[in-house]
N, C-alpha and C. Protein backbone atom coordinates (compact mmCIF):
# COMPACT_ATOMS: atom_id res chain seq x y z
N MET A 1 75.85 -72.91 4.82
CA MET A 1 77.27 -72.82 4.61
C MET A 1 78.37 -73.23 5.40
N LYS A 2 79.13 -74.09 4.85
CA LYS A 2 80.20 -74.61 5.97
C LYS A 2 81.00 -73.75 6.56
N GLY A 3 81.45 -74.28 7.66
CA GLY A 3 82.07 -73.26 8.61
C GLY A 3 83.89 -72.51 7.84
N LEU A 4 84.24 -71.91 8.63
CA LEU A 4 85.52 -71.11 8.02
C LEU A 4 86.73 -71.89 7.94
N GLN A 5 86.95 -73.00 9.19
CA GLN A 5 87.40 -74.01 9.83
C GLN A 5 86.91 -75.31 9.85
N ASP A 6 87.59 -76.21 10.37
CA ASP A 6 87.34 -77.79 10.70
C ASP A 6 86.41 -76.89 12.16
N ASN A 7 85.21 -77.65 12.31
CA ASN A 7 84.63 -77.68 13.75
C ASN A 7 83.93 -75.95 13.57
N GLU A 8 83.77 -75.21 12.41
CA GLU A 8 83.89 -73.92 12.89
C GLU A 8 82.07 -73.88 12.31
N ASN A 9 81.32 -72.91 13.42
CA ASN A 9 79.63 -72.60 12.57
C ASN A 9 79.61 -71.41 12.22
N VAL A 10 79.03 -71.12 11.05
CA VAL A 10 78.48 -69.50 10.66
C VAL A 10 77.69 -69.14 11.85
N TYR A 11 77.83 -67.92 11.81
CA TYR A 11 76.80 -67.14 13.15
C TYR A 11 76.15 -65.90 12.29
N GLN A 12 77.09 -65.19 11.72
CA GLN A 12 76.44 -64.20 10.59
C GLN A 12 76.97 -63.83 9.36
N ILE A 13 75.97 -63.07 8.60
CA ILE A 13 76.77 -62.85 7.38
C ILE A 13 76.30 -61.55 6.79
N ASN A 14 76.80 -60.83 6.55
CA ASN A 14 76.73 -59.42 6.06
C ASN A 14 77.15 -59.22 4.84
N SER A 15 76.40 -58.62 3.82
CA SER A 15 76.61 -58.78 2.38
C SER A 15 75.99 -56.96 1.60
N LEU A 16 76.66 -56.29 1.21
CA LEU A 16 76.49 -54.64 0.66
C LEU A 16 76.95 -54.83 -0.62
N PHE A 17 76.08 -54.39 -1.91
CA PHE A 17 76.28 -53.92 -3.01
C PHE A 17 75.81 -52.65 -2.67
N SER A 18 76.47 -52.06 -3.39
CA SER A 18 75.93 -50.34 -3.86
C SER A 18 76.76 -49.81 -5.09
N PHE A 19 76.14 -49.02 -5.54
CA PHE A 19 76.52 -47.95 -6.48
C PHE A 19 76.13 -46.79 -6.97
N GLN A 20 76.62 -45.78 -6.99
CA GLN A 20 76.13 -44.57 -7.22
C GLN A 20 75.33 -44.14 -8.49
N ALA A 21 74.09 -44.40 -9.03
CA ALA A 21 73.80 -44.41 -10.35
C ALA A 21 73.79 -43.01 -10.49
N ASP A 22 74.07 -42.80 -12.12
CA ASP A 22 73.78 -41.06 -12.43
C ASP A 22 72.61 -41.04 -12.69
N GLU A 23 72.06 -39.82 -13.28
CA GLU A 23 70.56 -39.24 -13.50
C GLU A 23 70.06 -39.90 -14.44
N GLU A 24 70.84 -40.13 -15.52
CA GLU A 24 70.52 -40.87 -17.09
C GLU A 24 69.83 -42.43 -16.22
N PHE A 25 70.50 -43.21 -15.40
CA PHE A 25 70.37 -44.28 -14.91
C PHE A 25 69.11 -44.56 -14.54
N LEU A 26 68.94 -43.35 -13.56
CA LEU A 26 67.80 -43.35 -12.55
C LEU A 26 66.29 -42.90 -13.49
N HIS A 27 66.78 -42.69 -14.26
CA HIS A 27 65.30 -42.00 -14.94
C HIS A 27 65.05 -43.03 -16.20
N ASN A 28 65.40 -43.79 -16.83
CA ASN A 28 66.06 -44.17 -18.20
C ASN A 28 66.59 -45.28 -17.79
N ASP A 29 67.14 -46.30 -17.30
CA ASP A 29 67.26 -47.24 -17.42
C ASP A 29 66.10 -48.59 -16.78
N ILE A 30 66.32 -49.86 -17.81
CA ILE A 30 65.40 -50.60 -17.54
C ILE A 30 65.24 -51.06 -15.91
N ARG A 31 66.38 -50.79 -15.25
CA ARG A 31 66.29 -51.60 -13.99
C ARG A 31 64.99 -50.41 -13.21
N VAL A 32 64.75 -49.61 -13.61
CA VAL A 32 64.02 -48.36 -12.86
C VAL A 32 62.50 -48.39 -13.59
N LYS A 33 62.45 -48.98 -14.16
CA LYS A 33 61.20 -48.99 -15.04
C LYS A 33 59.99 -49.89 -14.43
N PRO A 34 58.96 -50.24 -14.09
CA PRO A 34 58.03 -50.88 -13.41
C PRO A 34 57.74 -51.47 -14.62
N ASP A 35 57.66 -51.41 -15.29
CA ASP A 35 56.98 -52.48 -16.73
C ASP A 35 58.10 -53.52 -17.31
N LEU A 36 59.73 -52.81 -16.96
CA LEU A 36 60.76 -54.04 -17.50
C LEU A 36 61.55 -54.74 -16.71
N ASP A 37 61.69 -54.04 -15.54
CA ASP A 37 62.40 -54.39 -14.69
C ASP A 37 61.77 -54.14 -12.63
N ALA A 38 61.04 -54.61 -12.68
CA ALA A 38 59.62 -54.06 -11.49
C ALA A 38 60.75 -54.30 -9.91
N LEU A 39 61.49 -54.78 -9.70
CA LEU A 39 62.65 -55.35 -8.72
C LEU A 39 63.42 -54.11 -8.18
N GLY A 40 63.87 -53.29 -9.54
CA GLY A 40 64.60 -52.64 -9.36
C GLY A 40 66.28 -52.94 -8.64
N ALA A 41 66.89 -52.56 -7.44
CA ALA A 41 67.62 -52.12 -6.71
C ALA A 41 67.65 -54.25 -6.24
N LEU A 42 66.85 -54.34 -5.80
CA LEU A 42 66.74 -55.71 -4.98
C LEU A 42 67.02 -56.43 -6.23
N GLY A 43 66.30 -56.68 -7.13
CA GLY A 43 66.55 -57.60 -8.47
C GLY A 43 68.09 -57.45 -9.21
N ASP A 44 68.31 -56.26 -8.76
CA ASP A 44 69.92 -56.10 -9.62
C ASP A 44 71.29 -56.57 -8.30
N ALA A 45 71.22 -55.41 -7.91
CA ALA A 45 72.59 -55.28 -6.82
C ALA A 45 72.10 -56.31 -5.84
N GLY A 46 70.73 -56.35 -5.16
CA GLY A 46 70.29 -57.46 -4.19
C GLY A 46 70.44 -59.11 -4.66
N TRP A 47 70.40 -59.30 -6.12
CA TRP A 47 70.61 -60.56 -6.15
C TRP A 47 72.05 -61.09 -6.14
N TYR A 48 73.21 -60.05 -5.85
CA TYR A 48 74.53 -60.66 -5.69
C TYR A 48 74.79 -60.59 -4.37
N CYS A 49 74.08 -60.29 -3.62
CA CYS A 49 74.20 -60.02 -2.01
C CYS A 49 73.33 -61.31 -1.57
N ILE A 50 72.23 -61.90 -2.21
CA ILE A 50 71.90 -63.14 -2.02
C ILE A 50 72.44 -63.87 -2.04
N ARG A 51 73.32 -63.93 -3.51
CA ARG A 51 73.95 -65.05 -3.77
C ARG A 51 74.65 -65.17 -2.97
N ALA A 52 75.66 -64.38 -2.63
CA ALA A 52 76.48 -64.42 -1.74
C ALA A 52 76.39 -65.00 -0.19
N ILE A 53 75.17 -64.91 0.24
CA ILE A 53 75.09 -64.94 1.65
C ILE A 53 74.53 -66.39 1.36
N LEU A 54 74.12 -67.37 0.28
CA LEU A 54 73.23 -68.71 0.04
C LEU A 54 74.09 -69.36 -0.56
N TRP A 55 75.67 -69.22 0.13
CA TRP A 55 76.90 -69.68 -0.29
C TRP A 55 76.81 -71.55 -0.64
N ASP A 56 76.11 -72.17 0.33
CA ASP A 56 76.26 -73.44 0.50
C ASP A 56 74.54 -73.90 0.03
N TYR A 57 74.10 -73.11 -0.44
CA TYR A 57 72.40 -72.88 -1.01
C TYR A 57 71.47 -73.52 -0.26
N GLU A 58 71.44 -73.24 1.38
CA GLU A 58 70.69 -73.60 2.18
C GLU A 58 69.78 -72.40 2.51
N LEU A 59 68.32 -72.41 2.09
CA LEU A 59 67.01 -71.81 1.95
C LEU A 59 67.34 -70.88 3.46
N PRO A 60 66.88 -69.78 3.95
CA PRO A 60 66.92 -69.39 5.61
C PRO A 60 65.18 -69.78 5.39
N LYS A 61 64.91 -69.64 7.01
CA LYS A 61 63.69 -70.19 7.22
C LYS A 61 62.23 -68.79 7.24
N THR A 62 63.13 -67.66 7.22
CA THR A 62 62.45 -66.35 7.17
C THR A 62 62.91 -65.20 6.97
N VAL A 63 62.25 -64.24 6.04
CA VAL A 63 62.89 -63.25 5.84
C VAL A 63 62.35 -62.32 5.95
N ILE A 64 62.71 -61.01 6.46
CA ILE A 64 61.81 -59.81 7.02
C ILE A 64 62.64 -58.27 6.30
N ALA A 65 62.05 -57.76 5.66
CA ALA A 65 62.46 -56.57 4.99
C ALA A 65 62.30 -55.55 6.11
N LEU A 66 63.57 -54.54 6.07
CA LEU A 66 63.77 -53.54 7.42
C LEU A 66 62.81 -52.53 6.60
N HIS A 67 62.37 -51.48 7.57
CA HIS A 67 61.77 -50.11 7.39
C HIS A 67 62.64 -49.34 6.48
N GLY A 68 62.24 -48.37 5.55
CA GLY A 68 62.62 -47.28 5.04
C GLY A 68 63.59 -47.64 3.96
N PRO A 69 62.94 -48.52 3.03
CA PRO A 69 63.10 -48.47 1.42
C PRO A 69 63.03 -47.40 0.53
N VAL A 70 63.89 -47.11 -0.41
CA VAL A 70 63.73 -46.00 -1.16
C VAL A 70 63.39 -46.40 -2.23
N LYS A 71 62.20 -45.74 -2.59
CA LYS A 71 61.75 -45.96 -4.43
C LYS A 71 61.59 -44.71 -4.97
N ASN A 72 61.71 -44.76 -6.46
CA ASN A 72 61.45 -43.85 -7.24
C ASN A 72 59.76 -43.65 -7.23
N GLN A 73 59.55 -42.51 -8.16
CA GLN A 73 58.02 -42.18 -8.31
C GLN A 73 57.28 -43.23 -8.95
N ALA A 74 57.62 -44.14 -9.60
CA ALA A 74 57.16 -45.32 -10.37
C ALA A 74 56.67 -46.38 -9.19
N GLY A 75 57.67 -46.24 -8.04
CA GLY A 75 57.11 -47.34 -6.79
C GLY A 75 58.55 -48.65 -7.09
N VAL A 76 59.29 -48.36 -7.92
CA VAL A 76 60.81 -49.17 -8.14
C VAL A 76 61.59 -48.59 -7.08
N LEU A 77 61.94 -50.28 -6.54
CA LEU A 77 63.24 -49.85 -5.52
C LEU A 77 64.51 -49.46 -5.84
N LEU A 78 65.11 -48.40 -5.45
CA LEU A 78 66.21 -48.21 -5.61
C LEU A 78 67.07 -48.21 -4.41
N ALA A 79 66.49 -48.93 -3.00
CA ALA A 79 67.63 -49.17 -2.02
C ALA A 79 66.54 -50.01 -1.21
N CYS A 80 66.95 -51.03 -0.65
CA CYS A 80 66.48 -51.73 0.56
C CYS A 80 67.55 -52.51 1.65
N VAL A 81 67.06 -52.79 2.72
CA VAL A 81 67.57 -53.78 3.90
C VAL A 81 66.85 -54.82 4.01
N ALA A 82 67.20 -55.96 4.19
CA ALA A 82 66.30 -57.09 4.66
C ALA A 82 67.64 -58.03 5.67
N THR A 83 66.75 -58.97 6.29
CA THR A 83 67.69 -59.60 7.22
C THR A 83 66.74 -61.16 7.03
N LEU A 84 67.72 -62.25 7.14
CA LEU A 84 67.28 -63.52 6.76
C LEU A 84 67.48 -64.07 7.75
N TYR A 85 66.58 -65.52 8.33
CA TYR A 85 66.68 -66.09 9.55
C TYR A 85 66.82 -67.66 9.16
N TRP A 86 68.06 -68.21 10.22
CA TRP A 86 67.82 -70.03 9.55
C TRP A 86 67.21 -70.58 10.62
N ALA A 87 67.03 -71.89 10.97
CA ALA A 87 66.50 -72.55 11.86
C ALA A 87 67.11 -72.80 13.00
N ASP A 88 68.91 -72.93 12.42
CA ASP A 88 69.79 -72.98 13.13
C ASP A 88 69.83 -71.77 13.90
N GLY A 89 69.94 -70.42 13.84
CA GLY A 89 70.04 -69.26 14.61
C GLY A 89 71.17 -68.29 13.88
N LYS A 90 71.38 -68.96 12.56
CA LYS A 90 72.34 -68.30 11.82
C LYS A 90 71.51 -66.89 11.35
N ILE A 91 72.08 -65.69 11.10
CA ILE A 91 71.42 -64.39 10.56
C ILE A 91 72.40 -63.72 9.49
N ALA A 92 71.45 -63.37 8.28
CA ALA A 92 72.24 -62.40 7.69
C ALA A 92 71.60 -61.38 7.17
N THR A 93 72.15 -60.54 6.91
CA THR A 93 71.52 -59.43 6.41
C THR A 93 72.17 -58.63 5.23
N PHE A 94 71.28 -58.39 4.42
CA PHE A 94 71.90 -57.65 3.02
C PHE A 94 71.60 -56.44 2.69
N ASN A 95 72.05 -55.35 2.20
CA ASN A 95 71.99 -53.93 2.09
C ASN A 95 71.77 -54.06 0.34
N CYS A 96 71.04 -53.36 -0.73
CA CYS A 96 71.64 -52.97 -2.00
C CYS A 96 70.93 -51.57 -2.42
N SER A 97 71.80 -51.00 -2.86
CA SER A 97 71.51 -49.75 -3.32
C SER A 97 71.65 -49.02 -4.89
N PHE A 98 70.73 -48.12 -5.36
CA PHE A 98 71.58 -47.78 -6.72
C PHE A 98 72.31 -46.01 -6.08
N LEU A 99 72.02 -45.71 -4.48
CA LEU A 99 72.13 -44.37 -4.45
C LEU A 99 73.62 -44.33 -3.51
N ALA A 100 74.04 -45.24 -3.17
CA ALA A 100 75.71 -45.26 -2.91
C ALA A 100 76.54 -45.15 -3.40
N ASN A 101 77.94 -44.98 -2.35
CA ASN A 101 79.33 -45.31 -3.46
C ASN A 101 79.58 -46.59 -3.38
N LEU A 102 80.18 -46.59 -4.75
CA LEU A 102 80.30 -48.15 -5.13
C LEU A 102 80.93 -49.15 -3.78
N THR A 103 80.67 -50.12 -3.37
CA THR A 103 80.86 -50.98 -2.49
C THR A 103 80.26 -51.98 -2.76
N MET A 104 81.43 -53.28 -2.18
CA MET A 104 81.22 -54.74 -2.98
C MET A 104 81.18 -55.65 -1.32
N ASN A 105 80.94 -55.58 -0.47
CA ASN A 105 81.32 -56.30 0.91
C ASN A 105 80.76 -57.18 1.35
N VAL A 106 81.00 -58.41 1.62
CA VAL A 106 80.79 -59.40 2.20
C VAL A 106 81.83 -59.92 3.34
N THR A 107 80.97 -60.13 4.29
CA THR A 107 81.85 -60.37 5.70
C THR A 107 80.87 -61.69 6.49
N VAL A 108 81.58 -62.65 6.54
CA VAL A 108 81.11 -64.15 7.40
C VAL A 108 81.97 -63.64 8.90
N VAL A 109 80.91 -63.75 9.97
CA VAL A 109 81.27 -64.25 10.61
C VAL A 109 81.28 -65.34 11.59
N GLY A 110 82.01 -66.38 12.25
CA GLY A 110 82.09 -67.61 12.72
C GLY A 110 82.09 -67.64 14.22
N THR A 111 82.04 -68.65 14.79
CA THR A 111 82.59 -69.42 16.14
C THR A 111 84.10 -68.94 16.08
N ASN A 112 84.62 -68.69 15.44
CA ASN A 112 86.46 -69.11 15.70
C ASN A 112 86.77 -67.91 14.25
N GLY A 113 86.04 -67.65 13.78
CA GLY A 113 86.73 -66.77 12.58
C GLY A 113 85.83 -66.08 11.74
N THR A 114 86.57 -65.18 11.13
CA THR A 114 85.56 -64.21 10.54
C THR A 114 86.48 -64.30 8.77
N LEU A 115 85.65 -63.89 8.02
CA LEU A 115 86.37 -64.19 6.53
C LEU A 115 85.50 -62.59 5.95
N HIS A 116 86.48 -61.86 5.03
CA HIS A 116 86.07 -60.25 4.61
C HIS A 116 86.21 -60.25 2.88
N VAL A 117 85.47 -60.04 2.29
CA VAL A 117 85.41 -60.17 0.85
C VAL A 117 84.91 -59.01 0.57
N THR A 118 86.07 -57.41 -0.12
CA THR A 118 85.48 -56.29 -0.48
C THR A 118 85.25 -56.33 -1.83
N ASP A 119 85.45 -56.74 -2.66
CA ASP A 119 85.10 -56.97 -4.19
C ASP A 119 84.08 -58.27 -4.50
N PHE A 120 83.05 -59.02 -3.86
CA PHE A 120 82.91 -59.73 -4.44
C PHE A 120 81.99 -60.05 -5.45
N VAL A 121 81.52 -59.43 -6.09
CA VAL A 121 80.50 -59.02 -7.02
C VAL A 121 81.57 -58.70 -8.56
N ILE A 122 82.80 -57.57 -8.75
CA ILE A 122 83.22 -57.38 -9.81
C ILE A 122 84.86 -57.44 -9.32
N PRO A 123 85.75 -57.95 -9.31
CA PRO A 123 87.02 -57.68 -8.88
C PRO A 123 87.54 -56.66 -8.71
N TYR A 124 88.70 -56.13 -8.02
CA TYR A 124 89.28 -54.97 -8.45
C TYR A 124 90.49 -55.10 -9.68
N GLU A 125 91.02 -55.92 -9.50
CA GLU A 125 91.72 -56.70 -11.03
C GLU A 125 90.88 -57.69 -11.59
N GLU A 126 90.84 -58.04 -12.94
CA GLU A 126 90.33 -59.00 -13.68
C GLU A 126 90.86 -60.47 -12.90
N LYS A 127 92.12 -60.44 -13.19
CA LYS A 127 92.99 -61.79 -12.79
C LYS A 127 93.05 -62.29 -11.32
N SER A 128 92.93 -61.64 -10.88
CA SER A 128 93.14 -61.82 -9.46
C SER A 128 91.95 -61.38 -8.28
N ALA A 129 91.54 -61.55 -6.94
CA ALA A 129 90.89 -61.30 -5.87
C ALA A 129 91.19 -61.77 -4.84
N SER A 130 90.77 -60.90 -3.67
CA SER A 130 91.51 -61.69 -2.26
C SER A 130 90.59 -61.37 -0.97
N PHE A 131 90.83 -61.91 -0.22
CA PHE A 131 90.21 -61.99 0.88
C PHE A 131 90.94 -62.03 1.68
N SER A 132 89.92 -61.52 3.09
CA SER A 132 90.93 -61.29 4.60
C SER A 132 90.53 -62.32 5.46
N MET A 133 90.92 -62.92 6.71
CA MET A 133 90.41 -63.53 7.14
C MET A 133 91.16 -63.53 8.55
N ALA A 134 90.98 -64.30 9.63
CA ALA A 134 91.33 -64.41 11.06
C ALA A 134 90.74 -65.41 12.07
N SER A 135 91.44 -65.92 12.61
CA SER A 135 90.70 -67.46 13.36
C SER A 135 90.96 -66.76 14.93
N LYS A 136 90.25 -67.24 15.71
CA LYS A 136 90.37 -67.40 17.49
C LYS A 136 90.79 -65.75 17.38
N SER A 137 90.35 -64.77 17.07
CA SER A 137 90.70 -63.15 17.20
C SER A 137 90.34 -62.68 19.13
N LYS A 138 91.21 -62.38 19.23
CA LYS A 138 91.33 -61.98 20.99
C LYS A 138 92.16 -60.72 21.03
N PHE A 139 91.63 -59.56 21.89
CA PHE A 139 92.23 -58.49 22.53
C PHE A 139 93.58 -58.66 23.19
N THR A 140 94.72 -58.36 23.28
CA THR A 140 95.75 -58.42 23.39
C THR A 140 95.42 -58.08 25.13
N GLU A 141 96.90 -58.41 26.05
CA GLU A 141 96.59 -58.43 27.43
C GLU A 141 96.00 -57.78 28.18
N LEU A 142 96.49 -56.25 27.79
CA LEU A 142 95.44 -55.26 28.15
C LEU A 142 94.82 -54.47 26.90
N PRO A 143 93.48 -54.29 26.76
CA PRO A 143 92.58 -54.39 25.84
C PRO A 143 93.02 -52.95 25.20
N ILE A 144 94.14 -52.73 24.58
CA ILE A 144 94.38 -51.64 23.92
C ILE A 144 94.94 -51.75 22.23
N GLY A 145 94.30 -53.20 21.55
CA GLY A 145 94.58 -53.72 20.85
C GLY A 145 94.24 -55.30 20.36
N TRP A 146 94.30 -55.40 19.30
CA TRP A 146 94.24 -56.74 18.69
C TRP A 146 95.15 -57.76 19.09
N ASP A 147 95.39 -59.18 19.34
CA ASP A 147 96.36 -60.10 19.57
C ASP A 147 96.59 -60.47 18.27
N THR A 148 95.44 -60.74 17.42
CA THR A 148 95.19 -61.65 15.85
C THR A 148 94.80 -60.86 14.75
N LEU A 149 95.92 -60.89 14.15
CA LEU A 149 95.52 -59.44 12.80
C LEU A 149 95.13 -60.33 11.35
N LEU A 150 94.29 -59.63 11.08
CA LEU A 150 93.47 -60.27 9.88
C LEU A 150 94.58 -60.66 8.51
N SER A 151 94.79 -61.67 7.91
CA SER A 151 95.70 -62.08 6.99
C SER A 151 95.01 -61.96 5.96
N LYS A 152 95.81 -61.46 4.95
CA LYS A 152 95.02 -61.47 3.24
C LYS A 152 95.68 -62.70 2.51
N HIS A 153 94.84 -63.13 1.62
CA HIS A 153 95.00 -64.19 0.23
C HIS A 153 94.27 -63.49 -0.68
N VAL A 154 95.47 -64.27 -1.30
CA VAL A 154 95.13 -63.41 -2.83
C VAL A 154 94.85 -65.05 -3.82
N VAL A 155 94.06 -64.94 -4.74
CA VAL A 155 93.38 -66.31 -5.41
C VAL A 155 93.48 -65.55 -7.13
N THR A 156 94.95 -66.15 -7.80
CA THR A 156 94.85 -65.72 -9.08
C THR A 156 94.66 -66.75 -9.60
N THR A 157 93.54 -66.06 -11.45
CA THR A 157 93.67 -67.19 -12.26
C THR A 157 94.07 -66.43 -13.67
N ASP A 158 94.00 -67.30 -14.67
CA ASP A 158 94.31 -66.56 -15.99
C ASP A 158 93.56 -66.33 -16.65
N LEU A 159 91.99 -66.41 -16.75
CA LEU A 159 90.96 -65.86 -17.24
C LEU A 159 90.35 -65.23 -16.36
N PRO A 160 89.62 -63.84 -16.94
CA PRO A 160 88.47 -63.12 -15.75
C PRO A 160 87.28 -63.99 -15.79
N GLN A 161 86.52 -63.45 -14.82
CA GLN A 161 85.17 -64.34 -14.34
C GLN A 161 84.11 -64.13 -15.60
N GLU A 162 84.34 -63.52 -16.54
CA GLU A 162 83.36 -63.24 -17.51
C GLU A 162 83.98 -63.88 -18.88
N ALA A 163 85.10 -64.45 -19.04
CA ALA A 163 85.28 -65.99 -19.68
C ALA A 163 85.32 -67.29 -19.32
N LEU A 164 85.58 -66.67 -17.82
CA LEU A 164 85.15 -68.48 -17.24
C LEU A 164 83.55 -68.58 -17.36
N MET A 165 82.94 -67.69 -16.90
CA MET A 165 81.38 -67.53 -16.82
C MET A 165 81.25 -68.86 -18.46
N VAL A 166 81.47 -67.98 -19.89
CA VAL A 166 81.46 -68.30 -21.10
C VAL A 166 81.89 -69.80 -21.11
N GLN A 167 83.01 -70.19 -20.37
CA GLN A 167 83.07 -71.20 -20.61
C GLN A 167 82.42 -72.36 -20.08
N GLU A 168 82.09 -72.18 -18.92
CA GLU A 168 81.42 -72.74 -17.70
C GLU A 168 79.57 -73.48 -18.83
N PHE A 169 79.71 -72.37 -19.33
CA PHE A 169 77.88 -72.37 -19.96
C PHE A 169 78.13 -73.23 -21.49
N SER A 170 79.64 -72.93 -22.17
CA SER A 170 80.10 -73.93 -23.14
C SER A 170 80.08 -75.27 -22.81
N ARG A 171 80.90 -75.53 -21.46
CA ARG A 171 81.06 -77.07 -21.17
C ARG A 171 79.29 -77.51 -20.84
N LEU A 172 78.96 -77.03 -20.20
CA LEU A 172 77.38 -77.61 -19.63
C LEU A 172 76.20 -78.06 -21.29
N VAL A 173 76.62 -77.15 -22.16
CA VAL A 173 75.88 -77.31 -23.38
C VAL A 173 76.33 -78.62 -24.37
N GLN A 174 77.73 -78.92 -23.83
CA GLN A 174 78.70 -79.79 -24.70
C GLN A 174 78.37 -81.32 -24.01
N ASN A 175 78.51 -81.15 -22.89
CA ASN A 175 77.91 -82.39 -21.68
C ASN A 175 76.76 -82.61 -22.25
N ILE A 176 75.54 -81.84 -22.65
CA ILE A 176 74.52 -82.19 -23.19
C ILE A 176 74.36 -82.88 -24.06
N ARG A 177 74.82 -82.27 -25.49
CA ARG A 177 75.06 -82.54 -26.82
C ARG A 177 76.05 -83.71 -26.73
N ASP A 178 77.29 -84.06 -25.92
CA ASP A 178 77.66 -85.06 -26.42
C ASP A 178 76.91 -86.73 -25.92
N ALA A 179 76.73 -86.39 -24.31
CA ALA A 179 76.20 -87.85 -23.90
C ALA A 179 74.92 -87.95 -24.04
N GLY A 180 74.23 -86.88 -24.73
CA GLY A 180 72.82 -86.82 -24.37
C GLY A 180 72.03 -86.66 -23.56
N GLY A 181 72.60 -85.88 -22.10
CA GLY A 181 71.90 -85.90 -21.23
C GLY A 181 71.26 -84.80 -20.86
N LYS A 182 70.83 -84.41 -19.97
CA LYS A 182 69.65 -83.65 -19.27
C LYS A 182 70.67 -82.42 -18.40
N PRO A 183 69.99 -81.20 -18.73
CA PRO A 183 70.99 -80.23 -18.18
C PRO A 183 71.30 -80.45 -16.75
N GLU A 184 72.70 -80.01 -16.21
CA GLU A 184 72.74 -79.97 -14.75
C GLU A 184 71.86 -79.40 -14.37
N ALA A 185 71.32 -79.95 -12.64
CA ALA A 185 70.62 -79.17 -11.79
C ALA A 185 71.18 -78.44 -10.93
N LYS A 186 72.42 -78.43 -10.90
CA LYS A 186 73.36 -77.35 -9.98
C LYS A 186 72.69 -75.54 -10.04
N TRP A 187 72.66 -74.88 -11.56
CA TRP A 187 72.39 -73.87 -11.56
C TRP A 187 71.53 -73.42 -11.29
N PRO A 188 70.41 -73.71 -12.10
CA PRO A 188 68.78 -73.81 -12.03
C PRO A 188 68.25 -73.84 -10.21
N ALA A 189 69.28 -74.90 -10.08
CA ALA A 189 68.44 -74.82 -8.30
C ALA A 189 69.01 -73.65 -7.38
N ILE A 190 70.54 -73.05 -7.51
CA ILE A 190 70.87 -71.50 -7.11
C ILE A 190 69.81 -70.75 -7.68
N THR A 191 69.78 -70.61 -9.05
CA THR A 191 68.88 -69.41 -9.49
C THR A 191 67.45 -69.54 -8.82
N ARG A 192 67.28 -70.25 -8.09
CA ARG A 192 65.61 -70.60 -8.26
C ARG A 192 65.68 -70.13 -6.98
N LYS A 193 66.56 -70.65 -5.71
CA LYS A 193 66.57 -70.39 -4.46
C LYS A 193 66.62 -68.91 -4.07
N THR A 194 67.95 -68.45 -5.10
CA THR A 194 67.96 -67.29 -5.23
C THR A 194 66.95 -66.42 -5.16
N GLN A 195 65.95 -66.33 -6.59
CA GLN A 195 64.69 -65.70 -6.38
C GLN A 195 63.83 -65.96 -5.21
N VAL A 196 63.67 -67.26 -5.22
CA VAL A 196 63.09 -67.59 -3.94
C VAL A 196 63.03 -66.40 -2.79
N VAL A 197 64.24 -65.80 -2.40
CA VAL A 197 64.73 -65.40 -1.14
C VAL A 197 64.00 -64.02 -1.39
N ILE A 198 64.65 -63.16 -2.83
CA ILE A 198 64.02 -62.32 -3.53
C ILE A 198 62.84 -61.92 -3.56
N ASP A 199 61.90 -62.77 -4.21
CA ASP A 199 60.34 -62.58 -3.92
C ASP A 199 59.97 -62.47 -2.56
N ALA A 200 60.63 -63.10 -1.36
CA ALA A 200 60.35 -62.90 -0.41
C ALA A 200 60.69 -62.05 -0.04
N VAL A 201 61.58 -60.83 0.00
CA VAL A 201 61.89 -59.63 0.82
C VAL A 201 61.23 -58.47 -0.05
N LYS A 202 60.50 -58.76 -1.23
CA LYS A 202 59.57 -58.28 -1.80
C LYS A 202 57.83 -58.03 -1.38
N ILE A 203 57.65 -59.57 -1.16
CA ILE A 203 56.39 -59.33 0.07
C ILE A 203 56.81 -58.79 1.08
N SER A 204 57.71 -59.21 2.10
CA SER A 204 57.51 -58.09 3.38
C SER A 204 57.88 -56.92 2.71
N ILE A 205 58.06 -56.21 1.94
CA ILE A 205 58.41 -54.80 1.91
C ILE A 205 56.73 -54.67 1.58
N ASP A 206 56.11 -55.17 0.75
CA ASP A 206 54.72 -54.70 0.28
C ASP A 206 53.86 -55.34 1.38
N ASN A 207 54.20 -55.91 2.38
CA ASN A 207 53.24 -55.73 3.66
C ASN A 207 53.69 -55.56 4.46
N ASP A 208 54.01 -54.30 4.54
CA ASP A 208 54.53 -53.46 6.21
C ASP A 208 55.66 -54.29 6.57
N PHE A 209 56.36 -54.74 6.05
CA PHE A 209 57.66 -55.14 6.61
C PHE A 209 57.52 -56.42 7.70
N GLY A 210 56.36 -57.10 7.67
CA GLY A 210 56.56 -58.30 8.11
C GLY A 210 56.93 -59.32 7.90
N PRO A 211 57.34 -60.56 8.69
CA PRO A 211 58.12 -61.51 7.91
C PRO A 211 57.26 -62.59 7.01
N VAL A 212 58.28 -63.09 6.53
CA VAL A 212 57.64 -64.15 5.37
C VAL A 212 58.13 -65.23 5.51
N ASP A 213 57.63 -66.54 5.71
CA ASP A 213 58.03 -67.74 5.38
C ASP A 213 58.72 -68.26 4.17
N VAL A 214 59.51 -68.87 4.18
CA VAL A 214 60.43 -68.92 2.94
C VAL A 214 60.17 -70.88 2.44
N SER A 215 59.53 -71.17 1.45
CA SER A 215 59.66 -72.42 1.42
C SER A 215 60.94 -72.91 0.54
N SER A 216 60.72 -74.41 0.52
CA SER A 216 61.71 -74.88 -0.09
C SER A 216 61.44 -75.11 -1.56
């Protein structure tokens, strides 16, 4: 991920996506069935967390799942946490769960700034989304408050993200049909890298939470 501003280096990224599933979901949804979607919360909510972390699509060097994941009786993950490490010292942690209150947070901490998004999967409103950020934050002269407060920024769009997704898919298909070309490599590459990290987290969980090297 590139910096929050010029000459900025990302230090840490934290993402969390959780929702409190009801009993019907926890017993009958395909995402809790080992023969349908065996990755559970990791493959569902965790996908979005990892996609947010891989903003610049750079794979981490190592992945380590944290102790204490929650599984159902069939062994499918209902909640888990993992940490990702990059060779340049950047660290990211994500938490995904079917068992906690609806939360969709991403925090990016840089050397000179911090970015917060609190609805990164499904925005609070269909046609707008917001983020908060602060640069070069410090305490007041007496350390009883903050000298630099977060500023809020709102991004608006004429269409909700679901419509934009269909629009983008249509554009990709039309480009192939009209130009006779090949599919764009961007989306398959992003998808593959996200799945690579998910698979590494699952391997770490299955191997007593040991570190897993991530190949490119």
